């Protein structure tokens, strides 16, 4: 089995792109600190909306879906899950809530990762919930035409418990001793976790939950207000390509993890930029139409209703639709297309 030694990370010479990404993340983190420290109903609404989007998209990446109406009711605890997909969605919601509310007290350890997996699958009656894989598994990508491609062969079930415990120990030691920049260390840990692939099912979802947990514990709260899972879902091909390239020679300890680090840093930076936009749009005393106006001012070229919804999470869909209609009538924006193909452009 390969070895893991995170103390050697500091020996790596990082290129200017990675250093620029890290600098930019800290820059935008600073710009959003005041916004996220406010106490307001709108900020609470933003947190709830982000949890919903993160739960939906993280499961959708794995093909776990239900109807929009049933999803909303499950998230609001208004109905019980009726099939395997909905039970897995409910479990994901539960562990994400635990991370959001208790991240400071949650350890990074093999046993707690197993506990996370158990909670995520608790409603499915899966006998392997919270247990290490019992068969050799593979990292694959599923294409729209139904074809599947094997990207990577993880380590064996026999080696998995030791490897999982080792990467947790290495991460904790590096973080506690301030040996490595957290924004470098977190992607490396997540990449190793995915290459170990400790579970028969649920590795991708657990990796995204771990990303959120480790970012929180390192003081980066962007995923509480912006769904990083959604950003990953929108760039899924890039995600799998970075994972595949970084996995080459992983078993021989000669992997080049830089593509995966750049990908994750890019996602975090995109999240902070989106949070900065949302902090600009969300203000307590603005009318709905003025909030929509501010959102539109951030858009270049044409935009959709969904684009505005993403920037105005505190507004209801009906308020956004009404505001867009009023702005069309006022001659501030122009509507083109019909149905789902409707786009808007600024006129003023």
Protein backbone atom coordinates (compact mmCIF):
# COMPACT_ATOMS: atom_id res chain seq x y z
CA UNK A 1 0.00 0.00 0.00
CA UNK A 2 1.18 3.53 -0.75
CA UNK A 3 2.30 5.84 2.04
CA UNK A 4 0.88 9.25 2.98
CA UNK A 5 3.14 11.99 4.32
CA UNK A 6 1.58 15.46 4.27
CA UNK A 7 4.69 17.05 5.81
CA UNK A 8 6.28 16.77 2.36
CA UNK A 9 3.66 19.06 0.82
CA UNK A 10 5.72 22.11 1.75
CA UNK A 11 8.53 20.85 -0.45
CA UNK A 12 6.36 21.38 -3.54
CA UNK A 13 6.93 24.56 -5.55
CA UNK A 14 3.50 26.00 -6.34
CA UNK A 15 3.03 27.80 -9.64
CA UNK A 16 1.76 31.36 -9.98
CA UNK A 17 -1.77 30.24 -10.87
CA UNK A 18 -2.26 28.42 -7.57
CA UNK A 19 -0.75 31.30 -5.60
CA UNK A 20 -3.02 33.75 -7.43
CA UNK A 21 -6.09 31.63 -6.70
CA UNK A 22 -5.24 31.48 -2.99
CA UNK A 23 -4.60 35.24 -2.85
CA UNK A 24 -7.92 35.93 -4.59
CA UNK A 25 -9.83 33.64 -2.22
CA UNK A 26 -8.47 35.46 0.82
CA UNK A 27 -9.26 38.78 -0.87
CA UNK A 28 -12.92 37.89 -1.45
CA UNK A 29 -13.16 36.20 1.94
CA UNK A 30 -12.20 39.51 3.51
CA UNK A 31 -14.74 41.41 1.43
CA UNK A 32 -17.59 39.15 2.58
CA UNK A 33 -16.70 38.87 6.30
CA UNK A 34 -18.90 41.77 7.39
CA UNK A 35 -21.86 40.51 5.38
CA UNK A 36 -21.87 37.00 6.87
CA UNK A 37 -21.50 38.32 10.42
CA UNK A 38 -24.81 40.16 10.18
CA UNK A 39 -27.86 38.70 11.87
CA UNK A 40 -30.90 39.03 9.65
CA UNK A 41 -33.86 37.04 8.39
CA UNK A 42 -32.58 37.41 4.84
CA UNK A 43 -29.23 35.88 5.75
CA UNK A 44 -31.03 33.00 7.47
CA UNK A 45 -33.11 32.52 4.32
CA UNK A 46 -29.93 32.46 2.25
CA UNK A 47 -28.47 29.71 4.46
CA UNK A 48 -31.63 27.60 4.14
CA UNK A 49 -31.78 28.13 0.39
CA UNK A 50 -28.13 27.12 0.03
CA UNK A 51 -28.67 23.92 2.04
CA UNK A 52 -31.54 23.02 -0.27
CA UNK A 53 -29.53 23.67 -3.43
CA UNK A 54 -26.49 21.81 -2.08
CA UNK A 55 -28.57 18.79 -1.09
CA UNK A 56 -30.34 18.69 -4.45
CA UNK A 57 -27.28 19.13 -6.66
CA UNK A 58 -24.90 16.89 -4.71
CA UNK A 59 -27.41 14.07 -5.07
CA UNK A 60 -28.22 14.91 -8.69
CA UNK A 61 -24.53 14.49 -9.59
CA UNK A 62 -24.96 10.84 -8.58
CA UNK A 63 -28.30 10.44 -10.38
CA UNK A 64 -30.33 10.63 -7.16
CA UNK A 65 -33.40 12.72 -7.96
CA UNK A 66 -37.05 13.28 -7.15
CA UNK A 67 -39.66 15.82 -8.27
CA UNK A 68 -39.14 19.46 -7.33
CA UNK A 69 -42.33 19.55 -5.27
CA UNK A 70 -41.50 16.41 -3.31
CA UNK A 71 -37.93 17.61 -2.76
CA UNK A 72 -39.18 20.87 -1.23
CA UNK A 73 -41.56 19.00 1.08
CA UNK A 74 -38.84 16.55 2.15
CA UNK A 75 -36.51 19.44 2.97
CA UNK A 76 -39.31 21.12 4.96
CA UNK A 77 -40.08 17.85 6.82
CA UNK A 78 -43.63 17.90 5.47
CA UNK A 79 -43.60 14.40 3.96
CA UNK A 80 -41.80 11.11 4.51
CA UNK A 81 -39.54 9.67 1.77
CA UNK A 82 -41.27 7.04 -0.35
CA UNK A 83 -38.33 5.48 -2.26
CA UNK A 84 -34.58 4.92 -2.08
CA UNK A 85 -33.70 8.21 -3.79
CA UNK A 86 -35.79 10.26 -1.38
CA UNK A 87 -34.40 8.38 1.62
CA UNK A 88 -30.86 9.19 0.50
CA UNK A 89 -31.80 12.85 -0.02
CA UNK A 90 -33.25 12.95 3.50
CA UNK A 91 -30.08 11.42 4.95
CA UNK A 92 -27.87 13.92 3.10
CA UNK A 93 -29.98 16.77 4.44
CA UNK A 94 -29.53 15.46 7.98
CA UNK A 95 -25.74 15.17 7.89
CA UNK A 96 -25.39 18.57 6.16
CA UNK A 97 -27.46 20.12 8.98
CA UNK A 98 -25.18 18.48 11.54
CA UNK A 99 -22.10 19.92 9.81
CA UNK A 100 -23.63 23.40 9.58
CA UNK A 101 -24.63 23.44 13.24
CA UNK A 102 -21.78 21.55 14.93
CA UNK A 103 -18.68 21.72 12.69
CA UNK A 104 -16.41 22.92 15.50
CA UNK A 105 -17.09 19.79 17.54
CA UNK A 106 -16.86 17.27 14.69
CA UNK A 107 -13.51 15.47 14.43
CA UNK A 108 -11.80 14.46 11.22
CA UNK A 109 -11.26 10.77 11.86
CA UNK A 110 -11.90 7.44 10.21
CA UNK A 111 -14.64 6.67 12.72
CA UNK A 112 -16.46 9.95 12.18
CA UNK A 113 -16.31 9.60 8.40
CA UNK A 114 -17.92 6.19 8.86
CA UNK A 115 -20.53 7.85 11.08
CA UNK A 116 -21.23 10.46 8.39
CA UNK A 117 -21.80 7.68 5.88
CA UNK A 118 -24.10 5.87 8.32
CA UNK A 119 -26.22 8.99 8.87
CA UNK A 120 -26.41 9.71 5.14
CA UNK A 121 -27.79 6.23 4.42
CA UNK A 122 -29.68 5.69 7.71
CA UNK A 123 -33.14 5.77 6.10
CA UNK A 124 -32.28 3.26 3.36
CA UNK A 125 -31.74 0.20 5.59
CA UNK A 126 -28.50 -0.36 3.67
CA UNK A 127 -26.50 -3.03 5.57
CA UNK A 128 -23.26 -1.35 4.43
CA UNK A 129 -24.16 2.08 5.80
CA UNK A 130 -21.21 3.28 7.86
CA UNK A 131 -19.03 0.36 6.81
CA UNK A 132 -15.90 0.08 4.68
CA UNK A 133 -16.40 -1.33 1.18
CA UNK A 134 -16.41 -5.12 0.89
CA UNK A 135 -15.62 -5.37 -2.84
CA UNK A 136 -13.16 -3.70 -5.20
CA UNK A 137 -14.72 -0.54 -6.60
CA UNK A 138 -13.87 1.92 -9.38
CA UNK A 139 -14.16 5.64 -10.06
CA UNK A 140 -16.31 5.97 -13.16
CA UNK A 141 -18.04 8.67 -15.17
CA UNK A 142 -21.46 8.11 -16.69
CA UNK A 143 -22.22 9.81 -20.00
CA UNK A 144 -25.59 10.98 -21.30
CA UNK A 145 -25.56 8.28 -24.00
CA UNK A 146 -25.49 5.59 -21.33
CA UNK A 147 -21.80 4.72 -21.69
CA UNK A 148 -19.57 4.46 -18.63
CA UNK A 149 -15.81 5.09 -18.45
CA UNK A 150 -13.50 3.79 -15.71
CA UNK A 151 -11.24 6.62 -14.57
CA UNK A 152 -9.39 5.01 -11.68
CA UNK A 153 -9.01 1.80 -9.68
CA UNK A 154 -8.92 2.61 -5.92
CA UNK A 155 -7.09 0.60 -3.29
CA UNK A 156 -8.45 -2.75 -2.11
CA UNK A 157 -11.04 -3.14 0.69
CA UNK A 158 -8.34 -4.75 2.86
CA UNK A 159 -6.06 -1.69 2.65
CA UNK A 160 -8.83 0.87 3.02
CA UNK A 161 -9.24 1.18 6.84
CA UNK A 162 -5.52 1.82 7.36
CA UNK A 163 -5.32 4.31 4.48
CA UNK A 164 -8.41 6.24 5.63
CA UNK A 165 -7.08 6.49 9.17
CA UNK A 166 -3.66 7.57 7.88
CA UNK A 167 -4.89 10.48 5.76
CA UNK A 168 -6.99 11.75 8.67
CA UNK A 169 -3.98 11.61 11.00
CA UNK A 170 -1.75 13.32 8.43
CA UNK A 171 -4.30 16.08 7.82
CA UNK A 172 -4.83 16.74 11.53
CA UNK A 173 -1.10 16.87 12.20
CA UNK A 174 -0.44 19.25 9.31
CA UNK A 175 -3.33 21.55 10.30
CA UNK A 176 -2.66 21.54 14.04
CA UNK A 177 1.04 22.31 13.52
CA UNK A 178 0.34 24.97 10.85
CA UNK A 179 2.55 23.06 8.42
CA UNK A 180 0.49 23.57 5.25
CA UNK A 181 -1.87 26.24 3.91
CA UNK A 182 -5.43 24.85 4.45
CA UNK A 183 -6.48 25.79 0.90
CA UNK A 184 -3.72 23.48 -0.37
CA UNK A 185 -4.22 20.74 2.19
CA UNK A 186 -8.00 20.36 1.82
CA UNK A 187 -7.96 19.50 -1.93
CA UNK A 188 -5.07 17.08 -1.38
CA UNK A 189 -6.99 15.31 1.39
CA UNK A 190 -10.17 15.16 -0.70
CA UNK A 191 -8.22 13.77 -3.65
CA UNK A 192 -6.65 11.07 -1.49
CA UNK A 193 -10.07 10.27 -0.02
CA UNK A 194 -11.53 9.83 -3.51
CA UNK A 195 -8.60 7.68 -4.62
CA UNK A 196 -9.12 5.48 -1.56
CA UNK A 197 -12.88 5.38 -2.32
CA UNK A 198 -13.69 3.78 1.05
CA UNK A 199 -17.36 2.93 0.49
CA UNK A 200 -19.30 0.74 -1.90
CA UNK A 201 -21.56 3.73 -2.56
CA UNK A 202 -21.68 7.39 -1.56
CA UNK A 203 -18.02 8.38 -1.92
CA UNK A 204 -18.71 11.46 -4.04
CA UNK A 205 -21.36 12.80 -1.69
CA UNK A 206 -19.21 12.18 1.39
CA UNK A 207 -16.27 13.92 -0.31
CA UNK A 208 -18.40 17.03 -0.86
CA UNK A 209 -19.64 16.96 2.74
CA UNK A 210 -16.04 16.61 3.93
CA UNK A 211 -15.03 19.57 1.77
CA UNK A 212 -17.67 21.70 3.49
CA UNK A 213 -16.65 20.45 6.94
CA UNK A 214 -12.94 21.09 6.40
CA UNK A 215 -13.53 24.53 4.91
CA UNK A 216 -15.67 25.47 7.92
CA UNK A 217 -13.07 24.20 10.38
CA UNK A 218 -10.45 26.31 8.57
CA UNK A 219 -12.58 29.46 8.68
CA UNK A 220 -13.93 29.44 5.11
CA UNK A 221 -17.74 29.64 5.33
CA UNK A 222 -18.54 30.30 1.69
CA UNK A 223 -20.43 27.01 1.24
CA UNK A 224 -22.90 28.06 3.94
CA UNK A 225 -24.16 30.81 1.63
CA UNK A 226 -23.27 29.57 -1.86
CA UNK A 227 -23.69 25.99 -3.03
CA UNK A 228 -20.26 24.71 -4.03
CA UNK A 229 -22.00 21.45 -4.96
CA UNK A 230 -23.97 23.36 -7.58
CA UNK A 231 -20.78 24.90 -8.98
CA UNK A 232 -19.24 21.41 -9.18
CA UNK A 233 -22.37 20.05 -10.88
CA UNK A 234 -22.14 22.80 -13.50
CA UNK A 235 -18.51 21.86 -14.25
CA UNK A 236 -18.79 18.12 -13.76
CA UNK A 237 -16.71 17.22 -16.82
CA UNK A 238 -13.87 19.47 -15.63
CA UNK A 239 -14.14 17.86 -12.18
CA UNK A 240 -13.76 14.33 -13.53
CA UNK A 241 -10.95 15.36 -15.87
CA UNK A 242 -8.98 16.95 -13.02
CA UNK A 243 -9.61 13.89 -10.85
CA UNK A 244 -8.48 11.53 -13.61
CA UNK A 245 -5.28 13.45 -14.39
CA UNK A 246 -4.39 13.79 -10.71
CA UNK A 247 -4.95 10.06 -10.21
CA UNK A 248 -2.22 9.03 -12.66
CA UNK A 249 0.59 7.26 -10.74
CA UNK A 250 -1.24 7.80 -7.44
CA UNK A 251 -0.56 4.23 -6.31
CA UNK A 252 3.17 4.79 -6.93
CA UNK A 253 3.12 8.09 -4.94
CA UNK A 254 4.15 9.99 -8.07
CA UNK A 255 0.84 11.70 -8.82
CA UNK A 256 0.54 15.32 -9.93
CA UNK A 257 -2.34 16.58 -7.79
CA UNK A 258 -2.02 20.18 -9.03
CA UNK A 259 -4.89 19.96 -11.59
CA UNK A 260 -7.28 18.87 -8.84
CA UNK A 261 -6.03 21.56 -6.45
CA UNK A 262 -6.58 24.20 -9.14
CA UNK A 263 -10.06 22.88 -9.84
CA UNK A 264 -11.13 22.97 -6.17
CA UNK A 265 -9.56 26.40 -5.62
CA UNK A 266 -11.40 27.64 -8.70
CA UNK A 267 -14.68 26.37 -7.26
CA UNK A 268 -14.03 28.04 -3.90
CA UNK A 269 -13.11 31.33 -5.59
CA UNK A 270 -16.22 31.19 -7.79
CA UNK A 271 -18.25 30.64 -4.64
CA UNK A 272 -16.76 33.68 -2.93
CA UNK A 273 -17.34 35.83 -6.01
CA UNK A 274 -20.98 34.74 -6.07
CA UNK A 275 -21.26 35.49 -2.36
CA UNK A 276 -19.84 38.97 -2.97
CA UNK A 277 -22.52 39.51 -5.63
CA UNK A 278 -25.23 38.30 -3.27
CA UNK A 279 -23.98 40.58 -0.49
CA UNK A 280 -24.31 43.49 -2.93
CA UNK A 281 -27.86 42.54 -3.87
CA UNK A 282 -29.28 41.65 -0.44
CA UNK A 283 -30.26 44.64 1.65
CA UNK A 284 -32.95 44.77 4.35
CA UNK A 285 -35.03 47.76 3.24
CA UNK A 286 -35.06 47.45 -0.55
CA UNK A 287 -38.23 46.66 -2.46
CA UNK A 288 -38.25 43.45 -4.50
CA UNK A 289 -37.97 45.36 -7.78
CA UNK A 290 -34.92 47.25 -6.50
CA UNK A 291 -33.24 44.01 -5.39
CA UNK A 292 -33.85 42.61 -8.88
CA UNK A 293 -32.46 45.84 -10.39
CA UNK A 294 -29.24 45.40 -8.40
CA UNK A 295 -28.97 41.79 -9.54
CA UNK A 296 -29.45 42.82 -13.17
CA UNK A 297 -26.72 45.45 -12.82
CA UNK A 298 -24.25 42.60 -12.19
CA UNK A 299 -25.12 40.74 -15.38
CA UNK A 300 -23.27 41.17 -18.67
CA UNK A 301 -25.17 40.52 -21.90
CA UNK A 302 -28.40 38.53 -21.81
CA UNK A 303 -29.60 36.73 -18.70
CA UNK A 304 -32.37 34.34 -17.65
CA UNK A 305 -34.88 34.36 -14.82
CA UNK A 306 -32.83 31.62 -13.16
CA UNK A 307 -29.74 33.87 -13.22
CA UNK A 308 -31.66 36.44 -11.20
CA UNK A 309 -33.09 33.82 -8.84
CA UNK A 310 -29.55 32.72 -7.96
CA UNK A 311 -28.60 36.27 -7.01
CA UNK A 312 -31.84 36.94 -5.12
CA UNK A 313 -32.35 33.88 -2.89
CA UNK A 314 -34.37 35.88 -0.36
CA UNK A 315 -37.09 36.70 -2.92
CA UNK A 316 -39.88 34.34 -3.89
CA UNK A 317 -40.17 33.20 -7.49
CA UNK A 318 -43.41 35.15 -7.90
CA UNK A 319 -41.73 38.36 -6.65
CA UNK A 320 -38.89 37.94 -9.16
CA UNK A 321 -41.29 37.21 -12.03
CA UNK A 322 -43.43 40.23 -11.13
CA UNK A 323 -40.37 42.48 -10.90
CA UNK A 324 -39.07 41.31 -14.29
CA UNK A 325 -42.48 41.99 -15.88
CA UNK A 326 -42.55 45.47 -14.35
CA UNK A 327 -39.02 46.24 -15.54
CA UNK A 328 -39.98 45.16 -19.06
CA UNK A 329 -42.99 47.50 -18.93
CA UNK A 330 -40.80 50.32 -17.63
CA UNK A 331 -38.46 49.86 -20.59
CA UNK A 332 -35.45 48.99 -18.44
CA UNK A 333 -35.03 45.48 -19.85
CA UNK A 334 -36.12 43.70 -23.02
CA UNK A 335 -37.63 40.22 -23.21
CA UNK A 336 -36.79 37.78 -26.01
CA UNK A 337 -37.96 34.22 -26.58
CA UNK A 338 -40.82 32.18 -25.12
CA UNK A 339 -41.23 29.61 -22.36
CA UNK A 340 -38.01 28.19 -20.96
CA UNK A 341 -35.99 29.99 -23.67
CA UNK A 342 -36.87 33.49 -22.42
CA UNK A 343 -33.84 35.77 -22.04
CA UNK A 344 -33.57 39.40 -20.95
CA UNK A 345 -31.19 42.20 -21.91
CA UNK A 346 -30.60 45.58 -20.27
CA UNK A 347 -31.83 48.69 -22.10
CA UNK A 348 -30.81 51.32 -19.55
